Amino acid sequence: MSSSQLPAEILEQRAAEQRQRIHQSVDELKSSLRETVREHLDVKNYARTHIWRLIAVTSAVALVSGYNVAGMFTRR
């Protein structure tokens, strides 16, 4: 039987089922994306895993800032 020979009720039911599956897929994708974004934007977790990099960058910034402040008072 081709789609032109099927009753409209059956076609409407199939369309509704397909819409429902699409909505479920979109909801699953949104949920997955939300979790992924939360994981990537978790500052505490990032700090825990990259603590040595953060310490190195902070130390470098402090060193450069201290050097510049000291330079303001010692330049002639």
Protein backbone atom coordinates (compact mmCIF):
# COMPACT_ATOMS: atom_id res chain seq x y z
CA MET A 1 0.00 0.00 0.00
CA SER A 2 1.43 3.40 -0.90
CA SER A 3 1.04 6.48 1.25
CA SER A 4 -1.65 7.83 -1.06
CA GLN A 5 -3.81 4.76 -0.31
CA LEU A 6 -3.49 4.97 3.49
CA PRO A 7 -6.27 6.63 5.46
CA ALA A 8 -5.57 10.12 6.75
CA GLU A 9 -5.97 8.95 10.36
CA ILE A 10 -3.05 6.51 10.04
CA LEU A 11 -0.88 9.16 8.39
CA GLU A 12 -1.72 11.63 11.16
CA GLN A 13 -0.87 9.03 13.79
CA ARG A 14 2.49 8.31 12.15
CA ALA A 15 3.24 12.02 11.93
CA ALA A 16 2.41 12.44 15.62
CA GLU A 17 4.70 9.54 16.53
CA GLN A 18 7.51 11.02 14.47
CA ARG A 19 7.04 14.42 16.09
CA GLN A 20 7.17 12.78 19.52
CA ARG A 21 10.43 10.99 18.63
CA ILE A 22 11.92 14.24 17.34
CA HIS A 23 10.92 16.08 20.53
CA GLN A 24 12.48 13.34 22.65
CA SER A 25 15.69 13.49 20.62
CA VAL A 26 15.87 17.26 20.98
CA ASP A 27 15.26 17.03 24.75
CA GLU A 28 18.02 14.42 25.09
CA LEU A 29 20.40 16.61 23.09
CA LYS A 30 19.60 19.67 25.22
CA SER A 31 20.15 17.70 28.41
CA SER A 32 23.45 16.30 27.17
CA LEU A 33 24.60 19.72 26.03
CA ARG A 34 23.68 21.28 29.38
CA GLU A 35 25.76 18.70 31.23
CA THR A 36 28.72 19.18 28.89
CA VAL A 37 28.61 22.96 29.31
CA ARG A 38 28.36 22.63 33.10
CA GLU A 39 31.40 20.35 33.14
CA HIS A 40 33.45 22.76 31.03
CA LEU A 41 32.42 25.84 33.01
CA ASP A 42 32.98 24.30 36.46
CA VAL A 43 35.62 26.64 37.90
CA LYS A 44 36.32 24.56 41.01
CA ASN A 45 36.93 21.41 38.98
CA TYR A 46 39.14 23.32 36.53
CA ALA A 47 41.15 24.80 39.41
CA ARG A 48 41.59 21.36 40.96
CA THR A 49 42.80 19.74 37.76
CA HIS A 50 45.03 22.64 36.62
CA ILE A 51 46.26 23.94 39.96
CA TRP A 52 49.95 24.09 38.95
CA ARG A 53 49.20 26.06 35.81
CA LEU A 54 47.13 28.52 37.81
CA ILE A 55 49.90 28.89 40.39
CA ALA A 56 52.49 29.50 37.66
CA VAL A 57 50.36 32.13 35.90
CA THR A 58 49.50 33.87 39.17
CA SER A 59 53.17 33.91 40.18
CA ALA A 60 54.22 35.33 36.82
CA VAL A 61 51.61 38.08 37.01
CA ALA A 62 52.67 38.93 40.58
CA LEU A 63 56.35 39.02 39.57
CA VAL A 64 55.75 41.31 36.61
CA SER A 65 53.46 43.57 38.64
CA GLY A 66 55.99 43.79 41.47
CA TYR A 67 58.79 44.56 39.04
CA ASN A 68 56.74 47.35 37.45
CA VAL A 69 55.75 48.89 40.79
CA ALA A 70 59.36 48.77 42.01
CA GLY A 71 60.48 50.30 38.73
CA MET A 72 58.21 53.32 39.27
CA PHE A 73 60.10 54.19 42.47
CA THR A 74 63.66 53.46 41.31
CA ARG A 75 63.72 55.11 37.88
CA ARG A 76 65.61 58.37 37.60
